[in-house]
Amino acid sequence: MVTVSNRTKVKGDRTPRSMDVYHEKEGIKGSSYCECGAVFRGKRWQNASGDQQPEGRKLVCPACRRIADRTPAGILTLQGDFFTKHEAEINNIVRNTEQTYYQKNPLAKVMETRKEDNGVTITTTDGKLAQKIGREVFKSYRGDLNFMWSQSEDLVRVAWSR
């Protein structure tokens, strides 16, 4: 069962990227790079080519700023007896999904994975990454999957249990 909840968000209302305080309001001119390997080129952040030296000015990407501020864009909770029995397999799904999604969006990173009594809480720098991981776990194991968006905090909470 998938449940969607829009706490403070009106259905169909979308938050523009310019509202995200971690993205440059005026944009970035030219090429730039971050220590994490993300390169800003052609009006977007991309993965750096392995053999190329970064060019342009050095700055901190939005994902690294979120990590430094400890301000996630996504909080994913995986819990239940099923999770504790299949933790290794589910953790593999989480890692593989993160690596695959990172190739598409270098600003999508897992910030922290915190083990809890009956599960795990994962924070991400990108809300869509948290949603994608939740959907992949749900696709593999079914269970209950819930999404809750908060427009005021620019945060999505994803909860999976079985």
N, C-alpha and C. Protein backbone atom coordinates (compact mmCIF):
# COMPACT_ATOMS: atom_id res chain seq x y z
N MET A 1 0.84 -1.18 0.00
CA MET A 1 0.00 0.00 0.00
C MET A 1 0.89 1.24 0.00
N VAL A 2 0.65 2.14 -0.92
CA VAL A 2 1.39 3.40 -1.01
C VAL A 2 0.46 4.52 -0.58
N THR A 3 0.90 5.34 0.36
CA THR A 3 0.12 6.47 0.83
C THR A 3 0.90 7.74 0.55
N VAL A 4 0.21 8.73 0.02
CA VAL A 4 0.82 10.02 -0.27
C VAL A 4 0.12 11.07 0.57
N SER A 5 0.90 11.89 1.26
CA SER A 5 0.33 12.94 2.09
C SER A 5 1.00 14.26 1.74
N ASN A 6 0.23 15.26 1.46
CA ASN A 6 0.73 16.61 1.21
C ASN A 6 0.39 17.46 2.42
N ARG A 7 1.25 17.48 3.38
CA ARG A 7 0.95 18.20 4.63
C ARG A 7 0.66 19.67 4.40
N THR A 8 1.63 20.39 3.88
CA THR A 8 1.42 21.82 3.69
C THR A 8 1.42 22.20 2.22
N LYS A 9 1.40 21.21 1.37
CA LYS A 9 1.51 21.46 -0.05
C LYS A 9 0.15 21.25 -0.71
N VAL A 10 -0.25 22.16 -1.54
CA VAL A 10 -1.50 22.03 -2.28
C VAL A 10 -1.24 21.12 -3.47
N LYS A 11 -2.19 20.23 -3.76
CA LYS A 11 -2.02 19.29 -4.86
C LYS A 11 -1.74 20.05 -6.15
N GLY A 12 -0.72 19.61 -6.86
CA GLY A 12 -0.35 20.26 -8.11
C GLY A 12 0.61 21.42 -7.93
N ASP A 13 0.77 21.89 -6.71
CA ASP A 13 1.68 23.00 -6.42
C ASP A 13 3.10 22.45 -6.38
N ARG A 14 4.00 23.05 -7.11
CA ARG A 14 5.38 22.59 -7.15
C ARG A 14 6.30 23.69 -6.64
N THR A 15 7.29 23.30 -5.91
CA THR A 15 8.26 24.25 -5.42
C THR A 15 9.32 24.46 -6.49
N PRO A 16 9.50 25.67 -6.98
CA PRO A 16 10.53 25.90 -7.99
C PRO A 16 11.91 25.73 -7.39
N ARG A 17 12.86 25.33 -8.21
CA ARG A 17 14.23 25.13 -7.74
C ARG A 17 14.81 26.39 -7.15
N SER A 18 14.42 27.54 -7.69
CA SER A 18 14.98 28.80 -7.20
C SER A 18 14.62 29.05 -5.74
N MET A 19 13.62 28.33 -5.21
CA MET A 19 13.23 28.50 -3.82
C MET A 19 14.16 27.74 -2.88
N ASP A 20 14.95 26.81 -3.39
CA ASP A 20 15.87 26.04 -2.58
C ASP A 20 17.03 26.95 -2.17
N VAL A 21 17.21 27.15 -0.89
CA VAL A 21 18.23 28.08 -0.41
C VAL A 21 19.64 27.57 -0.67
N TYR A 22 19.79 26.31 -1.03
CA TYR A 22 21.12 25.76 -1.29
C TYR A 22 21.55 25.92 -2.75
N HIS A 23 20.66 26.38 -3.61
CA HIS A 23 21.01 26.67 -5.00
C HIS A 23 21.23 28.16 -5.13
N GLU A 24 22.19 28.52 -5.97
CA GLU A 24 22.51 29.93 -6.18
C GLU A 24 21.32 30.67 -6.78
N LYS A 25 20.92 31.76 -6.17
CA LYS A 25 19.76 32.50 -6.65
C LYS A 25 20.03 33.18 -7.99
N GLU A 26 21.23 33.69 -8.16
CA GLU A 26 21.59 34.39 -9.39
C GLU A 26 22.19 33.45 -10.43
N GLY A 27 22.34 32.18 -10.08
CA GLY A 27 22.98 31.24 -10.99
C GLY A 27 24.49 31.32 -10.86
N ILE A 28 25.16 30.47 -11.56
CA ILE A 28 26.62 30.44 -11.53
C ILE A 28 27.10 30.73 -12.94
N LYS A 29 28.00 31.66 -13.06
CA LYS A 29 28.54 32.02 -14.36
C LYS A 29 29.79 31.17 -14.64
N GLY A 30 29.88 30.63 -15.83
CA GLY A 30 31.06 29.87 -16.24
C GLY A 30 31.12 28.50 -15.59
N SER A 31 32.34 27.97 -15.54
CA SER A 31 32.57 26.64 -14.98
C SER A 31 33.06 26.74 -13.55
N SER A 32 32.64 25.79 -12.73
CA SER A 32 33.08 25.71 -11.34
C SER A 32 33.17 24.25 -10.96
N TYR A 33 33.80 23.98 -9.84
CA TYR A 33 33.90 22.61 -9.38
C TYR A 33 33.91 22.57 -7.85
N CYS A 34 33.56 21.41 -7.32
CA CYS A 34 33.53 21.19 -5.87
C CYS A 34 34.53 20.07 -5.54
N GLU A 35 35.00 20.04 -4.32
CA GLU A 35 35.94 19.01 -3.88
C GLU A 35 35.37 17.60 -4.01
N CYS A 36 34.04 17.46 -3.95
CA CYS A 36 33.41 16.15 -4.02
C CYS A 36 33.47 15.54 -5.41
N GLY A 37 33.85 16.32 -6.41
CA GLY A 37 33.93 15.82 -7.77
C GLY A 37 32.84 16.33 -8.68
N ALA A 38 31.88 17.06 -8.14
CA ALA A 38 30.82 17.63 -8.97
C ALA A 38 31.37 18.85 -9.71
N VAL A 39 30.98 18.99 -10.97
CA VAL A 39 31.43 20.09 -11.81
C VAL A 39 30.20 20.83 -12.33
N PHE A 40 30.23 22.17 -12.23
CA PHE A 40 29.14 22.98 -12.78
C PHE A 40 29.57 23.44 -14.17
N ARG A 41 28.83 22.97 -15.16
CA ARG A 41 29.14 23.29 -16.55
C ARG A 41 27.84 23.24 -17.33
N GLY A 42 27.64 24.16 -18.24
CA GLY A 42 26.45 24.14 -19.07
C GLY A 42 25.17 24.31 -18.28
N LYS A 43 25.18 25.17 -17.29
CA LYS A 43 24.03 25.52 -16.46
C LYS A 43 23.54 24.39 -15.55
N ARG A 44 24.37 23.38 -15.30
CA ARG A 44 23.95 22.33 -14.37
C ARG A 44 25.15 21.63 -13.76
N TRP A 45 24.92 20.99 -12.63
CA TRP A 45 25.95 20.20 -11.96
C TRP A 45 26.04 18.85 -12.64
N GLN A 46 27.27 18.39 -12.87
CA GLN A 46 27.52 17.13 -13.55
C GLN A 46 28.62 16.38 -12.82
N ASN A 47 28.75 15.09 -13.16
CA ASN A 47 29.88 14.32 -12.66
C ASN A 47 31.11 14.70 -13.45
N ALA A 48 32.24 14.82 -12.76
CA ALA A 48 33.49 15.16 -13.44
C ALA A 48 33.98 13.95 -14.23
N SER A 49 34.58 14.21 -15.37
CA SER A 49 35.22 13.14 -16.13
C SER A 49 36.46 12.71 -15.37
N GLY A 50 36.68 11.42 -15.28
CA GLY A 50 37.75 10.88 -14.45
C GLY A 50 39.14 11.39 -14.75
N ASP A 51 39.47 11.60 -16.01
CA ASP A 51 40.84 11.98 -16.37
C ASP A 51 41.02 13.48 -16.57
N GLN A 52 39.95 14.25 -16.50
CA GLN A 52 40.05 15.69 -16.71
C GLN A 52 40.33 16.42 -15.41
N GLN A 53 41.15 17.44 -15.48
CA GLN A 53 41.38 18.32 -14.34
C GLN A 53 40.20 19.28 -14.25
N PRO A 54 39.72 19.55 -13.02
CA PRO A 54 38.61 20.51 -12.89
C PRO A 54 39.06 21.89 -13.36
N GLU A 55 38.14 22.59 -13.99
CA GLU A 55 38.45 23.93 -14.48
C GLU A 55 37.48 24.92 -13.87
N GLY A 56 37.84 26.18 -13.93
CA GLY A 56 36.98 27.22 -13.37
C GLY A 56 37.32 27.46 -11.91
N ARG A 57 36.38 28.10 -11.24
CA ARG A 57 36.63 28.43 -9.83
C ARG A 57 36.12 27.32 -8.92
N LYS A 58 36.74 27.21 -7.78
CA LYS A 58 36.35 26.22 -6.79
C LYS A 58 35.25 26.79 -5.90
N LEU A 59 34.19 26.03 -5.71
CA LEU A 59 33.15 26.44 -4.78
C LEU A 59 32.53 25.18 -4.18
N VAL A 60 31.68 25.36 -3.20
CA VAL A 60 31.04 24.23 -2.53
C VAL A 60 29.67 24.01 -3.16
N CYS A 61 29.44 22.78 -3.62
CA CYS A 61 28.17 22.48 -4.29
C CYS A 61 27.02 22.45 -3.27
N PRO A 62 25.78 22.55 -3.73
CA PRO A 62 24.64 22.53 -2.82
C PRO A 62 24.57 21.28 -1.94
N ALA A 63 24.96 20.13 -2.47
CA ALA A 63 24.91 18.89 -1.68
C ALA A 63 25.91 18.95 -0.53
N CYS A 64 27.11 19.41 -0.80
CA CYS A 64 28.13 19.51 0.25
C CYS A 64 27.74 20.56 1.29
N ARG A 65 27.07 21.63 0.87
CA ARG A 65 26.60 22.63 1.83
C ARG A 65 25.52 22.04 2.72
N ARG A 66 24.62 21.24 2.15
CA ARG A 66 23.58 20.56 2.96
C ARG A 66 24.23 19.63 3.98
N ILE A 67 25.25 18.90 3.55
CA ILE A 67 25.93 17.97 4.45
C ILE A 67 26.60 18.74 5.58
N ALA A 68 27.28 19.83 5.25
CA ALA A 68 27.95 20.64 6.27
C ALA A 68 26.95 21.24 7.26
N ASP A 69 25.79 21.66 6.77
CA ASP A 69 24.75 22.25 7.62
C ASP A 69 23.89 21.21 8.31
N ARG A 70 24.06 19.95 7.93
CA ARG A 70 23.25 18.84 8.46
C ARG A 70 21.75 19.10 8.25
N THR A 71 21.43 19.54 7.02
CA THR A 71 20.06 19.86 6.65
C THR A 71 19.64 18.97 5.47
N PRO A 72 19.00 17.84 5.75
CA PRO A 72 18.62 16.94 4.66
C PRO A 72 17.43 17.46 3.85
N ALA A 73 17.35 16.99 2.60
CA ALA A 73 16.19 17.27 1.76
C ALA A 73 15.25 16.07 1.77
N GLY A 74 15.77 14.92 2.21
CA GLY A 74 14.97 13.71 2.30
C GLY A 74 15.32 12.90 3.53
N ILE A 75 14.29 12.38 4.19
CA ILE A 75 14.49 11.50 5.35
C ILE A 75 13.73 10.22 5.05
N LEU A 76 14.44 9.12 4.99
CA LEU A 76 13.87 7.82 4.67
C LEU A 76 13.98 6.92 5.88
N THR A 77 12.86 6.32 6.28
CA THR A 77 12.84 5.39 7.39
C THR A 77 12.44 4.02 6.87
N LEU A 78 13.29 3.03 7.12
CA LEU A 78 13.01 1.64 6.76
C LEU A 78 12.93 0.88 8.07
N GLN A 79 11.78 0.22 8.32
CA GLN A 79 11.65 -0.44 9.62
C GLN A 79 10.70 -1.63 9.55
N GLY A 80 10.74 -2.41 10.60
CA GLY A 80 9.86 -3.57 10.73
C GLY A 80 10.65 -4.85 10.94
N ASP A 81 9.94 -5.88 11.33
CA ASP A 81 10.58 -7.18 11.54
C ASP A 81 11.18 -7.72 10.25
N PHE A 82 10.50 -7.48 9.13
CA PHE A 82 11.01 -7.94 7.84
C PHE A 82 12.35 -7.27 7.54
N PHE A 83 12.45 -5.97 7.85
CA PHE A 83 13.70 -5.26 7.61
C PHE A 83 14.84 -5.88 8.41
N THR A 84 14.62 -6.16 9.69
CA THR A 84 15.70 -6.71 10.51
C THR A 84 16.15 -8.07 10.01
N LYS A 85 15.23 -8.86 9.45
CA LYS A 85 15.60 -10.18 8.93
C LYS A 85 16.31 -10.10 7.58
N HIS A 86 16.05 -9.04 6.80
CA HIS A 86 16.61 -8.90 5.45
C HIS A 86 17.45 -7.63 5.31
N GLU A 87 18.06 -7.22 6.38
CA GLU A 87 18.79 -5.95 6.40
C GLU A 87 19.89 -5.87 5.36
N ALA A 88 20.67 -6.93 5.21
CA ALA A 88 21.78 -6.91 4.26
C ALA A 88 21.28 -6.71 2.83
N GLU A 89 20.23 -7.43 2.45
CA GLU A 89 19.71 -7.32 1.09
C GLU A 89 19.12 -5.93 0.84
N ILE A 90 18.42 -5.40 1.83
CA ILE A 90 17.82 -4.07 1.67
C ILE A 90 18.90 -3.00 1.62
N ASN A 91 19.96 -3.16 2.41
CA ASN A 91 21.07 -2.21 2.35
C ASN A 91 21.75 -2.23 0.99
N ASN A 92 21.81 -3.39 0.34
CA ASN A 92 22.34 -3.47 -1.01
C ASN A 92 21.47 -2.69 -1.99
N ILE A 93 20.16 -2.78 -1.84
CA ILE A 93 19.25 -2.02 -2.69
C ILE A 93 19.49 -0.52 -2.49
N VAL A 94 19.66 -0.11 -1.23
CA VAL A 94 19.91 1.31 -0.93
C VAL A 94 21.20 1.77 -1.61
N ARG A 95 22.29 1.03 -1.45
CA ARG A 95 23.58 1.42 -2.05
C ARG A 95 23.51 1.44 -3.58
N ASN A 96 22.91 0.40 -4.17
CA ASN A 96 22.83 0.35 -5.63
C ASN A 96 21.97 1.48 -6.19
N THR A 97 20.88 1.78 -5.52
CA THR A 97 20.01 2.88 -5.96
C THR A 97 20.74 4.21 -5.85
N GLU A 98 21.46 4.41 -4.76
CA GLU A 98 22.22 5.66 -4.60
C GLU A 98 23.26 5.79 -5.70
N GLN A 99 24.01 4.74 -5.98
CA GLN A 99 25.05 4.81 -7.01
C GLN A 99 24.47 5.07 -8.39
N THR A 100 23.36 4.42 -8.71
CA THR A 100 22.71 4.62 -10.01
C THR A 100 22.18 6.04 -10.14
N TYR A 101 21.52 6.52 -9.10
CA TYR A 101 20.93 7.86 -9.13
C TYR A 101 22.02 8.94 -9.15
N TYR A 102 23.15 8.68 -8.49
CA TYR A 102 24.27 9.63 -8.46
C TYR A 102 24.81 9.88 -9.87
N GLN A 103 24.79 8.85 -10.72
CA GLN A 103 25.26 9.02 -12.10
C GLN A 103 24.39 10.03 -12.84
N LYS A 104 23.12 10.09 -12.50
CA LYS A 104 22.19 11.03 -13.11
C LYS A 104 22.28 12.41 -12.46
N ASN A 105 22.45 12.43 -11.14
CA ASN A 105 22.45 13.69 -10.40
C ASN A 105 23.54 13.65 -9.32
N PRO A 106 24.68 14.30 -9.55
CA PRO A 106 25.77 14.26 -8.58
C PRO A 106 25.47 15.00 -7.27
N LEU A 107 24.34 15.71 -7.21
CA LEU A 107 23.97 16.40 -5.98
C LEU A 107 23.11 15.51 -5.09
N ALA A 108 22.83 14.29 -5.51
CA ALA A 108 22.01 13.35 -4.75
C ALA A 108 22.93 12.39 -4.01
N LYS A 109 23.03 12.58 -2.69
CA LYS A 109 23.94 11.78 -1.88
C LYS A 109 23.25 11.35 -0.59
N VAL A 110 23.67 10.21 -0.08
CA VAL A 110 23.23 9.81 1.25
C VAL A 110 24.11 10.55 2.24
N MET A 111 23.49 11.28 3.16
CA MET A 111 24.23 12.05 4.15
C MET A 111 24.64 11.18 5.32
N GLU A 112 23.66 10.44 5.84
CA GLU A 112 23.90 9.66 7.06
C GLU A 112 22.93 8.48 7.08
N THR A 113 23.42 7.36 7.60
CA THR A 113 22.58 6.19 7.84
C THR A 113 22.67 5.90 9.33
N ARG A 114 21.53 5.99 10.00
CA ARG A 114 21.51 5.82 11.46
C ARG A 114 20.70 4.58 11.81
N LYS A 115 21.36 3.62 12.44
CA LYS A 115 20.71 2.38 12.88
C LYS A 115 19.84 2.67 14.08
N GLU A 116 18.63 2.11 14.07
CA GLU A 116 17.70 2.28 15.17
C GLU A 116 17.22 0.91 15.63
N ASP A 117 16.37 0.89 16.66
CA ASP A 117 15.91 -0.37 17.25
C ASP A 117 15.37 -1.36 16.23
N ASN A 118 14.42 -0.93 15.45
CA ASN A 118 13.71 -1.84 14.56
C ASN A 118 13.89 -1.45 13.09
N GLY A 119 15.01 -0.76 12.78
CA GLY A 119 15.21 -0.33 11.40
C GLY A 119 16.37 0.62 11.24
N VAL A 120 16.23 1.50 10.26
CA VAL A 120 17.29 2.44 9.94
C VAL A 120 16.66 3.74 9.42
N THR A 121 17.33 4.87 9.68
CA THR A 121 16.92 6.17 9.13
C THR A 121 18.05 6.68 8.27
N ILE A 122 17.71 7.04 7.04
CA ILE A 122 18.70 7.51 6.06
C ILE A 122 18.33 8.94 5.68
N THR A 123 19.30 9.84 5.76
CA THR A 123 19.06 11.21 5.32
C THR A 123 19.80 11.42 4.00
N THR A 124 19.17 12.21 3.10
CA THR A 124 19.74 12.45 1.78
C THR A 124 19.78 13.94 1.46
N THR A 125 20.66 14.29 0.53
CA THR A 125 20.77 15.69 0.11
C THR A 125 19.75 16.04 -0.96
N ASP A 126 19.03 15.04 -1.47
CA ASP A 126 18.05 15.24 -2.53
C ASP A 126 16.79 14.46 -2.17
N GLY A 127 15.66 15.13 -2.14
CA GLY A 127 14.41 14.48 -1.78
C GLY A 127 14.02 13.37 -2.74
N LYS A 128 14.33 13.54 -4.01
CA LYS A 128 13.98 12.52 -5.00
C LYS A 128 14.78 11.24 -4.79
N LEU A 129 15.99 11.35 -4.27
CA LEU A 129 16.77 10.15 -3.97
C LEU A 129 16.09 9.35 -2.87
N ALA A 130 15.61 10.00 -1.82
CA ALA A 130 14.90 9.31 -0.75
C ALA A 130 13.65 8.62 -1.30
N GLN A 131 12.93 9.31 -2.18
CA GLN A 131 11.74 8.72 -2.79
C GLN A 131 12.10 7.52 -3.65
N LYS A 132 13.17 7.64 -4.44
CA LYS A 132 13.60 6.56 -5.33
C LYS A 132 14.01 5.32 -4.53
N ILE A 133 14.75 5.51 -3.45
CA ILE A 133 15.15 4.37 -2.62
C ILE A 133 13.91 3.71 -2.03
N GLY A 134 12.99 4.50 -1.51
CA GLY A 134 11.76 3.94 -0.95
C GLY A 134 10.99 3.14 -1.98
N ARG A 135 10.89 3.66 -3.20
CA ARG A 135 10.16 2.95 -4.27
C ARG A 135 10.86 1.65 -4.66
N GLU A 136 12.19 1.66 -4.69
CA GLU A 136 12.93 0.45 -5.05
C GLU A 136 12.76 -0.64 -4.00
N VAL A 137 12.80 -0.26 -2.72
CA VAL A 137 12.58 -1.24 -1.65
C VAL A 137 11.15 -1.77 -1.73
N PHE A 138 10.20 -0.88 -1.97
CA PHE A 138 8.80 -1.29 -2.09
C PHE A 138 8.60 -2.23 -3.28
N LYS A 139 9.26 -1.91 -4.39
CA LYS A 139 9.14 -2.73 -5.59
C LYS A 139 9.69 -4.14 -5.35
N SER A 140 10.73 -4.24 -4.55
CA SER A 140 11.34 -5.55 -4.27
C SER A 140 10.60 -6.35 -3.21
N TYR A 141 10.09 -5.68 -2.17
CA TYR A 141 9.56 -6.39 -1.02
C TYR A 141 8.12 -6.04 -0.63
N ARG A 142 7.49 -5.14 -1.39
CA ARG A 142 6.15 -4.67 -1.05
C ARG A 142 6.15 -4.06 0.36
N GLY A 143 5.07 -4.14 1.08
CA GLY A 143 4.97 -3.53 2.40
C GLY A 143 4.15 -2.26 2.34
N ASP A 144 4.39 -1.35 3.26
CA ASP A 144 3.70 -0.05 3.31
C ASP A 144 4.71 1.05 3.03
N LEU A 145 4.37 1.93 2.10
CA LEU A 145 5.24 3.03 1.71
C LEU A 145 4.45 4.32 1.81
N ASN A 146 4.97 5.29 2.56
CA ASN A 146 4.30 6.58 2.77
C ASN A 146 5.24 7.72 2.41
N PHE A 147 4.67 8.75 1.76
CA PHE A 147 5.41 9.96 1.42
C PHE A 147 4.73 11.14 2.10
N MET A 148 5.51 12.02 2.69
CA MET A 148 4.98 13.26 3.28
C MET A 148 5.90 14.41 2.89
N TRP A 149 5.33 15.40 2.19
CA TRP A 149 6.10 16.56 1.77
C TRP A 149 5.79 17.74 2.67
N SER A 150 6.81 18.53 2.94
CA SER A 150 6.64 19.76 3.70
C SER A 150 7.25 20.89 2.88
N GLN A 151 6.38 21.72 2.32
CA GLN A 151 6.86 22.82 1.49
C GLN A 151 7.65 23.83 2.30
N SER A 152 7.25 24.06 3.53
CA SER A 152 7.91 25.08 4.34
C SER A 152 9.34 24.69 4.68
N GLU A 153 9.63 23.38 4.76
CA GLU A 153 10.98 22.95 5.10
C GLU A 153 11.76 22.45 3.89
N ASP A 154 11.14 22.37 2.70
CA ASP A 154 11.77 21.81 1.51
C ASP A 154 12.30 20.41 1.85
N LEU A 155 11.40 19.58 2.37
CA LEU A 155 11.78 18.26 2.89
C LEU A 155 10.72 17.24 2.53
N VAL A 156 11.16 16.03 2.19
CA VAL A 156 10.24 14.92 1.99
C VAL A 156 10.61 13.83 3.00
N ARG A 157 9.59 13.27 3.62
CA ARG A 157 9.77 12.14 4.53
C ARG A 157 9.18 10.91 3.87
N VAL A 158 9.97 9.86 3.80
CA VAL A 158 9.55 8.61 3.20
C VAL A 158 9.65 7.53 4.27
N ALA A 159 8.59 6.77 4.43
CA ALA A 159 8.58 5.70 5.45
C ALA A 159 8.16 4.40 4.78
N TRP A 160 8.99 3.37 4.94
CA TRP A 160 8.66 2.03 4.44
C TRP A 160 8.70 1.08 5.62
N SER A 161 7.73 0.17 5.68
CA SER A 161 7.75 -0.83 6.73
C SER A 161 7.08 -2.11 6.21
N ARG A 162 7.48 -3.20 6.84
CA ARG A 162 6.86 -4.48 6.56
C ARG A 162 7.19 -5.42 7.69
